[in-house]
Amino acid sequence: MRPDIDKKNREILEILQEKARIPNVEVSRMINMAPSAVLERIRKMETQKIIDGYEVRLNPEHFNCRQISFSYVYPGHKADKALIGELLSGIDQIQEVHFVTGEDCYLIKARTADTVELDTLLRTKILSIDGVVSSRTHVVLSTQKETAQIPIKI
């Protein structure tokens, strides 16, 4: 069910997606609304789970996580797919876990230091999961866009 998001809430959400740590006073100036009203709207959207949380985006180069890869992880026919998904989700280097159609497998996004660490990740953590029969990996050479922002349509 899609919540009702009016024009002011949309403006607030667009600002927060761009800069989550912006003070309410600054948001209120940008949308011509009282700071208390902005705060009330934000709290209400948090309660309604329209705003699901706040994250800091770290620069991966400072943490030796420059290498991005996408891998298809294939469970066996009788494997416990839900358990495999949980186990993949618990691996630190894996940022995203999706079960996809077409391949009937998991598509994961991982960040590692380099291809040596990626190889270790695949062999010792992913392919060693009970029920995983194979994987196919694509290494990212360059990235033009990477975002967690969601387009807000009303």
Protein backbone atom coordinates (compact mmCIF):
# COMPACT_ATOMS: atom_id res chain seq x y z
CA MET A 1 0.00 0.00 0.00
CA ARG A 2 1.43 3.36 -1.05
CA PRO A 3 1.23 6.05 1.63
CA ASP A 4 -0.13 9.47 0.78
CA ILE A 5 2.79 11.80 0.29
CA ASP A 6 1.85 15.42 -0.27
CA LYS A 7 4.01 18.03 -2.01
CA LYS A 8 5.69 19.22 1.22
CA ASN A 9 6.55 15.68 2.33
CA ARG A 10 7.95 14.98 -1.12
CA GLU A 11 10.14 18.08 -0.89
CA ILE A 12 11.34 17.03 2.58
CA LEU A 13 12.12 13.50 1.37
CA GLU A 14 14.04 14.76 -1.66
CA ILE A 15 16.15 17.02 0.58
CA LEU A 16 16.80 14.26 3.12
CA GLN A 17 17.82 11.78 0.40
CA GLU A 18 20.37 14.29 -0.84
CA LYS A 19 21.68 15.25 2.61
CA ALA A 20 20.31 13.23 5.54
CA ARG A 21 22.13 15.26 8.20
CA ILE A 22 20.67 18.61 7.15
CA PRO A 23 19.27 20.56 10.13
CA ASN A 24 15.48 20.93 10.28
CA VAL A 25 15.89 24.71 10.32
CA GLU A 26 17.62 24.58 6.95
CA VAL A 27 14.93 22.26 5.53
CA SER A 28 12.25 24.60 6.83
CA ARG A 29 13.89 27.56 5.06
CA MET A 30 14.16 25.62 1.81
CA ILE A 31 10.46 24.69 1.74
CA ASN A 32 9.07 27.77 3.53
CA MET A 33 7.68 25.94 6.55
CA ALA A 34 8.12 26.24 10.33
CA PRO A 35 10.93 24.04 11.78
CA SER A 36 8.51 22.43 14.24
CA ALA A 37 6.18 21.47 11.37
CA VAL A 38 9.09 19.97 9.42
CA LEU A 39 10.17 17.96 12.47
CA GLU A 40 6.60 16.75 13.02
CA ARG A 41 6.33 15.63 9.39
CA ILE A 42 9.68 13.81 9.53
CA ARG A 43 8.73 12.02 12.75
CA LYS A 44 5.38 11.00 11.28
CA MET A 45 7.09 9.64 8.14
CA GLU A 46 9.51 7.70 10.37
CA THR A 47 6.58 6.24 12.35
CA GLN A 48 4.82 5.27 9.11
CA LYS A 49 8.07 3.65 7.88
CA ILE A 50 8.17 5.96 4.86
CA ILE A 51 11.61 6.90 6.19
CA ASP A 52 13.24 3.59 6.98
CA GLY A 53 16.49 4.87 8.48
CA TYR A 54 19.56 6.98 7.90
CA GLU A 55 22.92 5.78 6.61
CA VAL A 56 26.36 7.25 6.23
CA ARG A 57 27.98 6.56 2.84
CA LEU A 58 31.64 5.76 3.38
CA ASN A 59 34.28 6.20 0.71
CA PRO A 60 35.28 2.60 -0.17
CA GLU A 61 38.82 3.65 -1.10
CA HIS A 62 39.55 4.55 2.54
CA PHE A 63 38.53 1.04 3.65
CA ASN A 64 40.27 -1.01 0.96
CA CYS A 65 36.98 -2.01 -0.69
CA ARG A 66 37.52 -0.67 -4.21
CA GLN A 67 36.56 -3.84 -6.10
CA ILE A 68 32.84 -4.26 -6.87
CA SER A 69 31.50 -7.51 -8.25
CA PHE A 70 28.14 -9.04 -9.02
CA SER A 71 27.72 -12.79 -8.72
CA TYR A 72 24.98 -15.24 -9.54
CA VAL A 73 24.92 -17.85 -6.77
CA TYR A 74 23.13 -21.02 -7.82
CA PRO A 75 21.44 -23.19 -5.17
CA GLY A 76 20.88 -26.87 -5.84
CA HIS A 77 17.39 -28.05 -6.78
CA LYS A 78 16.61 -29.35 -3.27
CA ALA A 79 18.63 -26.75 -1.36
CA ASP A 80 17.13 -24.60 1.39
CA LYS A 81 17.07 -21.36 -0.60
CA ALA A 82 15.91 -19.21 2.33
CA LEU A 83 18.79 -20.45 4.48
CA ILE A 84 21.26 -19.77 1.67
CA GLY A 85 19.91 -16.22 1.42
CA GLU A 86 20.33 -15.72 5.17
CA LEU A 87 23.89 -17.05 5.10
CA LEU A 88 24.83 -14.87 2.15
CA SER A 89 23.33 -11.86 3.96
CA GLY A 90 25.60 -12.54 6.93
CA ILE A 91 28.84 -12.18 4.94
CA ASP A 92 30.44 -8.78 5.57
CA GLN A 93 31.73 -8.19 2.02
CA ILE A 94 28.28 -8.77 0.51
CA GLN A 95 26.25 -5.56 0.28
CA GLU A 96 23.13 -6.83 -1.51
CA VAL A 97 21.37 -10.19 -1.81
CA HIS A 98 18.48 -10.66 -4.26
CA PHE A 99 16.72 -13.83 -5.42
CA VAL A 100 16.07 -13.31 -9.12
CA THR A 101 13.94 -14.92 -11.82
CA GLY A 102 15.30 -16.19 -15.09
CA GLU A 103 18.30 -17.76 -13.43
CA ASP A 104 16.39 -18.86 -10.29
CA CYS A 105 19.35 -17.94 -8.17
CA TYR A 106 20.74 -15.24 -5.93
CA LEU A 107 22.29 -12.12 -7.40
CA ILE A 108 24.72 -10.58 -4.95
CA LYS A 109 26.78 -7.40 -4.92
CA ALA A 110 30.10 -7.63 -3.12
CA ARG A 111 32.89 -5.20 -2.29
CA THR A 112 36.40 -6.51 -1.81
CA ALA A 113 39.93 -5.10 -1.90
CA ASP A 114 40.81 -6.85 -5.16
CA THR A 115 40.29 -10.00 -7.21
CA VAL A 116 42.46 -12.03 -4.80
CA GLU A 117 40.08 -11.25 -1.92
CA LEU A 118 37.11 -11.84 -4.24
CA ASP A 119 38.48 -15.29 -5.11
CA THR A 120 38.86 -16.11 -1.41
CA LEU A 121 35.34 -14.85 -0.70
CA LEU A 122 33.88 -17.04 -3.44
CA ARG A 123 35.82 -20.19 -2.57
CA THR A 124 35.80 -20.09 1.24
CA LYS A 125 32.55 -18.34 2.11
CA ILE A 126 30.08 -18.53 -0.77
CA LEU A 127 30.75 -21.85 -2.51
CA SER A 128 31.24 -23.56 0.86
CA ILE A 129 27.60 -22.86 1.84
CA ASP A 130 25.68 -26.15 1.95
CA GLY A 131 23.36 -26.29 -1.05
CA VAL A 132 25.27 -23.83 -3.27
CA VAL A 133 26.33 -25.67 -6.41
CA SER A 134 28.04 -22.94 -8.45
CA SER A 135 28.46 -19.24 -9.08
CA ARG A 136 29.15 -16.90 -11.96
CA THR A 137 30.84 -13.60 -11.23
CA HIS A 138 31.17 -10.31 -13.09
CA VAL A 139 33.84 -7.85 -11.96
CA VAL A 140 33.01 -4.15 -12.30
CA LEU A 141 35.59 -2.18 -14.29
CA SER A 142 34.11 1.27 -13.69
CA THR A 143 30.98 2.81 -12.20
CA GLN A 144 29.05 5.76 -13.62
CA LYS A 145 26.27 5.80 -11.03
CA GLU A 146 25.71 4.19 -7.67
CA THR A 147 22.93 5.39 -5.39
CA ALA A 148 20.44 4.21 -2.81
CA GLN A 149 18.07 7.10 -3.55
CA ILE A 150 14.51 6.25 -4.61
CA PRO A 151 12.64 8.42 -7.12
CA ILE A 152 9.66 10.02 -5.38
CA LYS A 153 6.58 10.09 -7.59
CA ILE A 154 3.29 11.64 -6.57
